[in-house]
Amino acid sequence: DIIHSTCTQDDPNVNTALVDLGHNMTYCRAKMTDCEHVFIHIGMGFHAEFTLSEGIQFVHQRISYLRRDVLPPKVGKAREVAEHLEGALDLLESLAEEIRDIDVTNTGNP
């Protein structure tokens, strides 16, 4: 799922991989001569070398951690911000209506 790999017909010692750069939207094609080791960004600009099986395990653990511990508080904060925005929009609509009412009262025309 994370790395889609196929052998090239030109050189059986070189594998090409379609690597997901993020959100299953952006991919990049990579050529690998050593398919046993991969470098994975582990955060703050650091990369670590893993065997392929270790790398896949690390990525799955990282995704689990992000879904379990990082995402829920961020979703809660995003919902809170959305509620505040909805309240602000309601207030602005009420103010706009009051301004229209004042204009109608002062001019006598709708």
C-alpha atoms as a PDB file:
ATOM      1  CA  ASP A   1       0.000   0.000   0.000  1.00  0.00           C
ATOM      2  CA  ILE A   2       2.764   2.427   0.926  1.00  0.00           C
ATOM      3  CA  ILE A   3       5.204   1.576  -1.862  1.00  0.00           C
ATOM      4  CA  HIS A   4       4.097   0.059  -5.143  1.00  0.00           C
ATOM      5  CA  SER A   5       7.090  -1.677  -6.682  1.00  0.00           C
ATOM      6  CA  THR A   6       7.676  -3.334 -10.055  1.00  0.00           C
ATOM      7  CA  CYS A   7      10.778  -4.749 -11.721  1.00  0.00           C
ATOM      8  CA  THR A   8      11.945  -2.961 -14.822  1.00  0.00           C
ATOM      9  CA  GLN A   9      12.505  -4.978 -17.953  1.00  0.00           C
ATOM     10  CA  ASP A  10      15.705  -3.072 -18.782  1.00  0.00           C
ATOM     11  CA  ASP A  11      17.625  -4.117 -15.684  1.00  0.00           C
ATOM     12  CA  PRO A  12      16.354  -6.886 -13.394  1.00  0.00           C
ATOM     13  CA  ASN A  13      18.542  -5.528 -10.551  1.00  0.00           C
ATOM     14  CA  VAL A  14      16.693  -2.196 -10.539  1.00  0.00           C
ATOM     15  CA  ASN A  15      13.203  -1.812  -9.134  1.00  0.00           C
ATOM     16  CA  THR A  16      11.008   1.171  -9.744  1.00  0.00           C
ATOM     17  CA  ALA A  17       8.555   2.273  -7.125  1.00  0.00           C
ATOM     18  CA  LEU A  18       5.622   4.630  -7.146  1.00  0.00           C
ATOM     19  CA  VAL A  19       6.034   6.408  -3.804  1.00  0.00           C
ATOM     20  CA  ASP A  20       3.150   8.237  -2.128  1.00  0.00           C
ATOM     21  CA  LEU A  21       4.337  11.727  -1.178  1.00  0.00           C
ATOM     22  CA  GLY A  22       1.193  12.458   0.789  1.00  0.00           C
ATOM     23  CA  HIS A  23      -2.548  11.955   1.080  1.00  0.00           C
ATOM     24  CA  ASN A  24      -2.713   9.437  -1.785  1.00  0.00           C
ATOM     25  CA  MET A  25      -2.684  12.405  -4.143  1.00  0.00           C
ATOM     26  CA  THR A  26       0.927  13.043  -5.102  1.00  0.00           C
ATOM     27  CA  TYR A  27       3.279  10.309  -6.221  1.00  0.00           C
ATOM     28  CA  CYS A  28       6.826  10.168  -7.457  1.00  0.00           C
ATOM     29  CA  ARG A  29       8.546   7.428  -9.409  1.00  0.00           C
ATOM     30  CA  ALA A  30      11.774   6.188  -7.821  1.00  0.00           C
ATOM     31  CA  LYS A  31      14.443   3.763  -8.978  1.00  0.00           C
ATOM     32  CA  MET A  32      16.073   1.519  -6.390  1.00  0.00           C
ATOM     33  CA  THR A  33      19.081  -0.722  -6.750  1.00  0.00           C
ATOM     34  CA  ASP A  34      18.891  -1.845  -3.114  1.00  0.00           C
ATOM     35  CA  CYS A  35      15.340  -2.850  -2.295  1.00  0.00           C
ATOM     36  CA  GLU A  36      16.243  -4.206   1.107  1.00  0.00           C
ATOM     37  CA  HIS A  37      16.820  -0.800   2.729  1.00  0.00           C
ATOM     38  CA  VAL A  38      14.724   2.387   2.691  1.00  0.00           C
ATOM     39  CA  PHE A  39      15.100   5.830   4.255  1.00  0.00           C
ATOM     40  CA  ILE A  40      12.012   7.154   6.009  1.00  0.00           C
ATOM     41  CA  HIS A  41      11.369  10.671   7.251  1.00  0.00           C
ATOM     42  CA  ILE A  42      10.843  10.288  10.989  1.00  0.00           C
ATOM     43  CA  GLY A  43      10.200  13.936  11.806  1.00  0.00           C
ATOM     44  CA  MET A  44      11.924  17.279  12.264  1.00  0.00           C
ATOM     45  CA  GLY A  45      13.974  16.804   9.103  1.00  0.00           C
ATOM     46  CA  PHE A  46      15.514  13.508  10.207  1.00  0.00           C
ATOM     47  CA  HIS A  47      15.523  10.308   8.170  1.00  0.00           C
ATOM     48  CA  ALA A  48      16.299   6.811   9.383  1.00  0.00           C
ATOM     49  CA  GLU A  49      17.447   3.779   7.440  1.00  0.00           C
ATOM     50  CA  PHE A  50      15.247   0.700   7.816  1.00  0.00           C
ATOM     51  CA  THR A  51      15.045  -2.659   6.174  1.00  0.00           C
ATOM     52  CA  LEU A  52      11.970  -2.749   3.982  1.00  0.00           C
ATOM     53  CA  SER A  53      10.013  -4.865   6.482  1.00  0.00           C
ATOM     54  CA  GLU A  54      11.099  -2.634   9.396  1.00  0.00           C
ATOM     55  CA  GLY A  55      10.130   0.445   7.398  1.00  0.00           C
ATOM     56  CA  ILE A  56       6.678  -0.887   6.614  1.00  0.00           C
ATOM     57  CA  GLN A  57       6.201  -1.803  10.295  1.00  0.00           C
ATOM     58  CA  PHE A  58       7.402   1.665  11.378  1.00  0.00           C
ATOM     59  CA  VAL A  59       5.037   3.421   8.965  1.00  0.00           C
ATOM     60  CA  HIS A  60       2.049   1.360  10.119  1.00  0.00           C
ATOM     61  CA  GLN A  61       2.893   2.091  13.775  1.00  0.00           C
ATOM     62  CA  ARG A  62       3.302   5.796  12.980  1.00  0.00           C
ATOM     63  CA  ILE A  63      -0.053   5.919  11.201  1.00  0.00           C
ATOM     64  CA  SER A  64      -1.705   4.165  14.164  1.00  0.00           C
ATOM     65  CA  TYR A  65      -0.116   6.636  16.586  1.00  0.00           C
ATOM     66  CA  LEU A  66      -1.221   9.636  14.519  1.00  0.00           C
ATOM     67  CA  ARG A  67      -4.790   8.340  14.192  1.00  0.00           C
ATOM     68  CA  ARG A  68      -5.030   7.417  17.886  1.00  0.00           C
ATOM     69  CA  ASP A  69      -3.133  10.229  19.657  1.00  0.00           C
ATOM     70  CA  VAL A  70      -2.618  13.168  17.319  1.00  0.00           C
ATOM     71  CA  LEU A  71      -5.701  13.358  15.125  1.00  0.00           C
ATOM     72  CA  PRO A  72      -8.509  13.322  17.756  1.00  0.00           C
ATOM     73  CA  PRO A  73      -7.397  16.513  19.592  1.00  0.00           C
ATOM     74  CA  LYS A  74      -6.909  18.290  16.271  1.00  0.00           C
ATOM     75  CA  VAL A  75     -10.364  17.245  15.088  1.00  0.00           C
ATOM     76  CA  GLY A  76     -11.821  18.501  18.373  1.00  0.00           C
ATOM     77  CA  LYS A  77     -10.041  21.846  17.969  1.00  0.00           C
ATOM     78  CA  ALA A  78     -11.197  22.122  14.343  1.00  0.00           C
ATOM     79  CA  ARG A  79     -14.811  21.502  15.436  1.00  0.00           C
ATOM     80  CA  GLU A  80     -14.475  24.165  18.113  1.00  0.00           C
ATOM     81  CA  VAL A  81     -13.142  26.669  15.571  1.00  0.00           C
ATOM     82  CA  ALA A  82     -15.975  25.760  13.166  1.00  0.00           C
ATOM     83  CA  GLU A  83     -18.547  26.398  15.912  1.00  0.00           C
ATOM     84  CA  HIS A  84     -16.967  29.785  16.659  1.00  0.00           C
ATOM     85  CA  LEU A  85     -17.037  30.679  12.973  1.00  0.00           C
ATOM     86  CA  GLU A  86     -20.689  29.707  12.711  1.00  0.00           C
ATOM     87  CA  GLY A  87     -21.454  31.927  15.711  1.00  0.00           C
ATOM     88  CA  ALA A  88     -19.515  34.817  14.169  1.00  0.00           C
ATOM     89  CA  LEU A  89     -21.371  34.387  10.866  1.00  0.00           C
ATOM     90  CA  ASP A  90     -24.723  34.391  12.690  1.00  0.00           C
ATOM     91  CA  LEU A  91     -23.727  37.582  14.476  1.00  0.00           C
ATOM     92  CA  LEU A  92     -22.646  39.240  11.223  1.00  0.00           C
ATOM     93  CA  GLU A  93     -25.913  38.265   9.541  1.00  0.00           C
ATOM     94  CA  SER A  94     -27.879  39.737  12.457  1.00  0.00           C
ATOM     95  CA  LEU A  95     -25.876  42.959  12.278  1.00  0.00           C
ATOM     96  CA  ALA A  96     -26.382  43.198   8.519  1.00  0.00           C
ATOM     97  CA  GLU A  97     -30.137  42.742   9.007  1.00  0.00           C
ATOM     98  CA  GLU A  98     -30.193  45.468  11.677  1.00  0.00           C
ATOM     99  CA  ILE A  99     -28.301  47.829   9.375  1.00  0.00           C
ATOM    100  CA  ARG A 100     -30.820  47.164   6.594  1.00  0.00           C
ATOM    101  CA  ASP A 101     -33.669  47.841   9.025  1.00  0.00           C
ATOM    102  CA  ILE A 102     -32.054  51.122  10.124  1.00  0.00           C
ATOM    103  CA  ASP A 103     -31.606  52.174   6.467  1.00  0.00           C
ATOM    104  CA  VAL A 104     -35.259  51.365   5.695  1.00  0.00           C
ATOM    105  CA  THR A 105     -36.429  53.281   8.769  1.00  0.00           C
ATOM    106  CA  ASN A 106     -34.292  56.332   7.955  1.00  0.00           C
ATOM    107  CA  THR A 107     -35.127  56.486   4.243  1.00  0.00           C
ATOM    108  CA  GLY A 108     -38.613  55.105   4.392  1.00  0.00           C
ATOM    109  CA  ASN A 109     -37.835  52.898   1.382  1.00  0.00           C
ATOM    110  CA  PRO A 110     -36.887  49.232   1.271  1.00  0.00           C
END
